[in-house]
Amino acid sequence: MLFEHTRADINFILENDPAARNKIEVFLLYPSVHSLIMYRISNFFYNKKRFFIARAISQLSRFFTGIEIHPGAQIGMGTLIDHGSGVVIGETTIIGDRVTIYQGATIGATGNEKEFKRHPTLGDDIVVGSGAKILGPINIGDHCKIGANSVVLRDMPSNSTAVGIPAKIKYNTSNMNKEDIDNVIYFI
């Protein structure tokens, strides 16, 4: 499983980062890959209820990469944390497949949540801009883009873009079928 996820991460990076030249370079030199490998090891221990060793591995990873991923988070395949310094991903966060997260992004809690699910859920094929903050137990649909330094505090439907503080949702209906457009209109 670890190798399968790592292979998918490396392939996604090669497809989406124009600076990536080859698999060896990505594997050896990209903090995104290192932090995700360490996350997956710490997540293994976290799921076995070995919380101390899981957090120790997580903190070691943060020290070396500048990327903090809680071992309890759930991250899909094909993830790119580009220029990852300062990225924070919280404990109950769920991240889908083929997600790009730029430096300084926070996917975390507001501090006001009382239930267990305190962090966001991100769908597939999402781009999170530099310094963006996605906070609280919200859902971000598939194929969304979150602008740099935006603060997202409410759900985003699929095929939308969020920009601003607080983020305003812009819809892209060109790729949507009629039922999805009706759902967007209902969501507004």
Protein backbone atom coordinates (compact mmCIF):
# COMPACT_ATOMS: atom_id res chain seq x y z
CA MET A 1 0.00 0.00 0.00
CA LEU A 2 2.80 2.44 0.90
CA PHE A 3 4.60 1.77 -2.39
CA GLU A 4 1.38 2.04 -4.40
CA HIS A 5 0.55 5.43 -2.85
CA THR A 6 4.12 6.69 -3.25
CA ARG A 7 4.18 5.65 -6.92
CA ALA A 8 0.87 7.48 -7.51
CA ASP A 9 2.21 10.59 -5.72
CA ILE A 10 5.39 10.62 -7.81
CA ASN A 11 3.48 10.14 -11.07
CA PHE A 12 1.06 12.94 -10.15
CA ILE A 13 3.97 15.25 -9.35
CA LEU A 14 5.64 14.46 -12.69
CA GLU A 15 2.38 15.22 -14.52
CA ASN A 16 1.65 18.48 -12.70
CA ASP A 17 4.94 20.10 -11.70
CA PRO A 18 6.86 21.50 -14.67
CA ALA A 19 10.05 21.61 -12.58
CA ALA A 20 9.97 17.83 -11.97
CA ARG A 21 12.40 16.10 -14.33
CA ASN A 22 12.35 12.41 -13.41
CA LYS A 23 11.16 9.91 -10.81
CA ILE A 24 14.51 9.61 -9.03
CA GLU A 25 14.77 13.38 -8.56
CA VAL A 26 11.19 13.58 -7.26
CA PHE A 27 11.68 10.66 -4.88
CA LEU A 28 14.98 11.92 -3.46
CA LEU A 29 14.48 15.69 -3.45
CA TYR A 30 10.79 16.55 -3.03
CA PRO A 31 9.67 17.22 0.56
CA SER A 32 6.11 16.42 -0.57
CA VAL A 33 7.10 12.80 -1.17
CA HIS A 34 9.09 12.57 2.06
CA SER A 35 6.29 14.01 4.18
CA LEU A 36 3.67 11.74 2.59
CA ILE A 37 5.80 8.62 3.13
CA MET A 38 6.32 9.59 6.77
CA TYR A 39 2.61 10.42 7.09
CA ARG A 40 1.62 6.99 5.76
CA ILE A 41 3.96 5.27 8.22
CA SER A 42 2.63 7.37 11.12
CA ASN A 43 -0.94 6.75 9.94
CA PHE A 44 -0.28 2.99 10.10
CA PHE A 45 0.73 3.31 13.77
CA TYR A 46 -2.15 5.70 14.47
CA ASN A 47 -4.65 3.17 13.12
CA LYS A 48 -3.05 0.50 15.35
CA LYS A 49 -3.66 2.86 18.32
CA ARG A 50 0.08 3.44 18.80
CA PHE A 51 -0.47 7.18 19.16
CA PHE A 52 2.87 8.14 20.69
CA ILE A 53 5.01 6.58 17.95
CA ALA A 54 2.61 7.96 15.32
CA ARG A 55 2.98 11.51 16.67
CA ALA A 56 6.74 11.11 17.08
CA ILE A 57 7.09 10.16 13.40
CA SER A 58 4.78 13.03 12.44
CA GLN A 59 6.86 15.56 14.38
CA LEU A 60 10.09 14.19 12.94
CA SER A 61 8.62 14.64 9.46
CA ARG A 62 7.60 18.21 10.29
CA PHE A 63 11.12 18.96 11.52
CA PHE A 64 12.71 17.74 8.27
CA THR A 65 10.13 18.93 5.71
CA GLY A 66 8.24 21.85 7.29
CA ILE A 67 4.98 20.04 6.45
CA GLU A 68 2.75 19.03 9.37
CA ILE A 69 0.31 16.21 8.68
CA HIS A 70 -1.53 14.74 11.64
CA PRO A 71 -1.30 10.92 11.61
CA GLY A 72 -5.10 10.67 11.91
CA ALA A 73 -5.75 12.47 8.61
CA GLN A 74 -6.88 10.46 5.58
CA ILE A 75 -5.08 11.31 2.33
CA GLY A 76 -5.82 9.77 -1.06
CA MET A 77 -3.49 8.85 -3.90
CA GLY A 78 -1.72 11.34 -6.12
CA THR A 79 -1.06 14.22 -3.74
CA LEU A 80 1.33 17.10 -4.42
CA ILE A 81 2.33 19.46 -1.62
CA ASP A 82 4.27 21.98 -3.72
CA HIS A 83 6.91 24.11 -1.94
CA GLY A 84 5.37 22.55 1.16
CA SER A 85 6.81 24.66 3.95
CA GLY A 86 4.13 25.71 6.41
CA VAL A 87 1.40 23.33 5.23
CA VAL A 88 -0.77 22.04 8.11
CA ILE A 89 -3.29 19.20 7.75
CA GLY A 90 -5.47 18.42 10.79
CA GLU A 91 -6.45 15.17 12.46
CA THR A 92 -9.92 14.53 11.02
CA THR A 93 -9.15 15.93 7.56
CA ILE A 94 -10.06 13.75 4.59
CA ILE A 95 -8.33 14.52 1.28
CA GLY A 96 -9.32 12.83 -1.98
CA ASP A 97 -7.17 11.82 -4.95
CA ARG A 98 -5.13 14.11 -7.23
CA VAL A 99 -5.01 17.10 -4.88
CA THR A 100 -2.41 19.87 -5.11
CA ILE A 101 -1.66 21.93 -2.00
CA TYR A 102 0.68 24.92 -2.17
CA GLN A 103 2.91 26.32 0.59
CA GLY A 104 1.45 27.80 3.73
CA ALA A 105 -2.00 26.26 3.32
CA THR A 106 -3.91 25.19 6.43
CA ILE A 107 -6.57 22.51 6.32
CA GLY A 108 -7.72 22.65 9.91
CA ALA A 109 -10.30 23.41 12.57
CA THR A 110 -11.71 26.72 13.73
CA GLY A 111 -11.48 25.75 17.40
CA ASN A 112 -15.24 26.09 17.92
CA GLU A 113 -16.20 22.55 16.92
CA LYS A 114 -17.60 20.25 19.60
CA GLU A 115 -18.02 17.05 17.55
CA PHE A 116 -15.25 14.65 16.53
CA LYS A 117 -15.15 15.68 12.84
CA ARG A 118 -13.49 19.09 13.23
CA HIS A 119 -11.62 19.38 9.94
CA PRO A 120 -12.56 19.71 6.25
CA THR A 121 -13.23 17.00 3.69
CA LEU A 122 -11.73 17.66 0.27
CA GLY A 123 -12.90 15.79 -2.84
CA ASP A 124 -10.85 14.75 -5.85
CA ASP A 125 -8.94 16.97 -8.31
CA ILE A 126 -8.60 20.05 -6.09
CA VAL A 127 -6.04 22.86 -6.06
CA VAL A 128 -5.44 24.70 -2.78
CA GLY A 129 -3.54 27.97 -3.32
CA SER A 130 -0.64 29.33 -1.27
CA GLY A 131 -1.62 30.48 2.19
CA ALA A 132 -5.24 29.34 1.82
CA LYS A 133 -7.11 28.44 4.99
CA ILE A 134 -9.86 25.81 4.84
CA LEU A 135 -11.38 25.65 8.29
CA GLY A 136 -14.03 23.63 10.09
CA PRO A 137 -16.05 20.50 9.30
CA ILE A 138 -16.91 21.61 5.75
CA ASN A 139 -17.02 19.75 2.43
CA ILE A 140 -15.14 20.84 -0.67
CA GLY A 141 -16.55 19.20 -3.81
CA ASP A 142 -14.60 17.64 -6.68
CA HIS A 143 -12.76 19.79 -9.25
CA CYS A 144 -12.54 22.89 -7.04
CA LYS A 145 -9.91 25.62 -6.87
CA ILE A 146 -9.19 27.67 -3.78
CA GLY A 147 -7.32 30.93 -4.42
CA ALA A 148 -4.17 32.01 -2.63
CA ASN A 149 -4.78 33.39 0.88
CA SER A 150 -8.52 32.65 0.70
CA VAL A 151 -10.31 31.70 3.90
CA VAL A 152 -12.96 29.05 3.23
CA LEU A 153 -15.47 28.60 6.05
CA ARG A 154 -18.44 27.00 4.27
CA ASP A 155 -19.10 24.12 1.89
CA MET A 156 -18.10 24.41 -1.77
CA PRO A 157 -20.01 22.53 -4.47
CA SER A 158 -18.10 20.66 -7.18
CA ASN A 159 -16.68 22.64 -10.11
CA SER A 160 -16.35 25.89 -8.19
CA THR A 161 -13.66 28.37 -7.24
CA ALA A 162 -13.29 30.19 -3.90
CA VAL A 163 -11.46 33.51 -3.54
CA GLY A 164 -11.25 36.18 -0.87
CA ILE A 165 -11.55 36.62 2.88
CA PRO A 166 -14.01 35.20 3.68
CA ALA A 167 -14.06 33.22 0.46
CA LYS A 168 -16.73 33.94 -2.10
CA ILE A 169 -17.75 30.98 -4.23
CA LYS A 170 -17.68 31.32 -8.02
CA TYR A 171 -19.31 28.58 -10.09
CA ASN A 172 -18.10 27.06 -13.33
CA THR A 173 -21.11 25.43 -14.97
CA SER A 174 -19.46 24.71 -18.33
CA ASN A 175 -18.54 21.11 -17.37
CA MET A 176 -21.76 20.36 -15.49
CA ASN A 177 -24.89 18.49 -16.47
CA LYS A 178 -28.37 19.94 -15.85
CA GLU A 179 -28.84 18.13 -12.53
CA ASP A 180 -25.57 19.57 -11.16
CA ILE A 181 -26.53 23.08 -12.33
CA ASP A 182 -29.87 22.71 -10.53
CA ASN A 183 -27.97 21.67 -7.38
CA VAL A 184 -25.74 24.77 -7.65
CA ILE A 185 -28.78 26.99 -8.02
CA TYR A 186 -30.33 25.28 -4.97
CA PHE A 187 -27.04 25.67 -3.05
CA ILE A 188 -26.99 29.44 -3.65
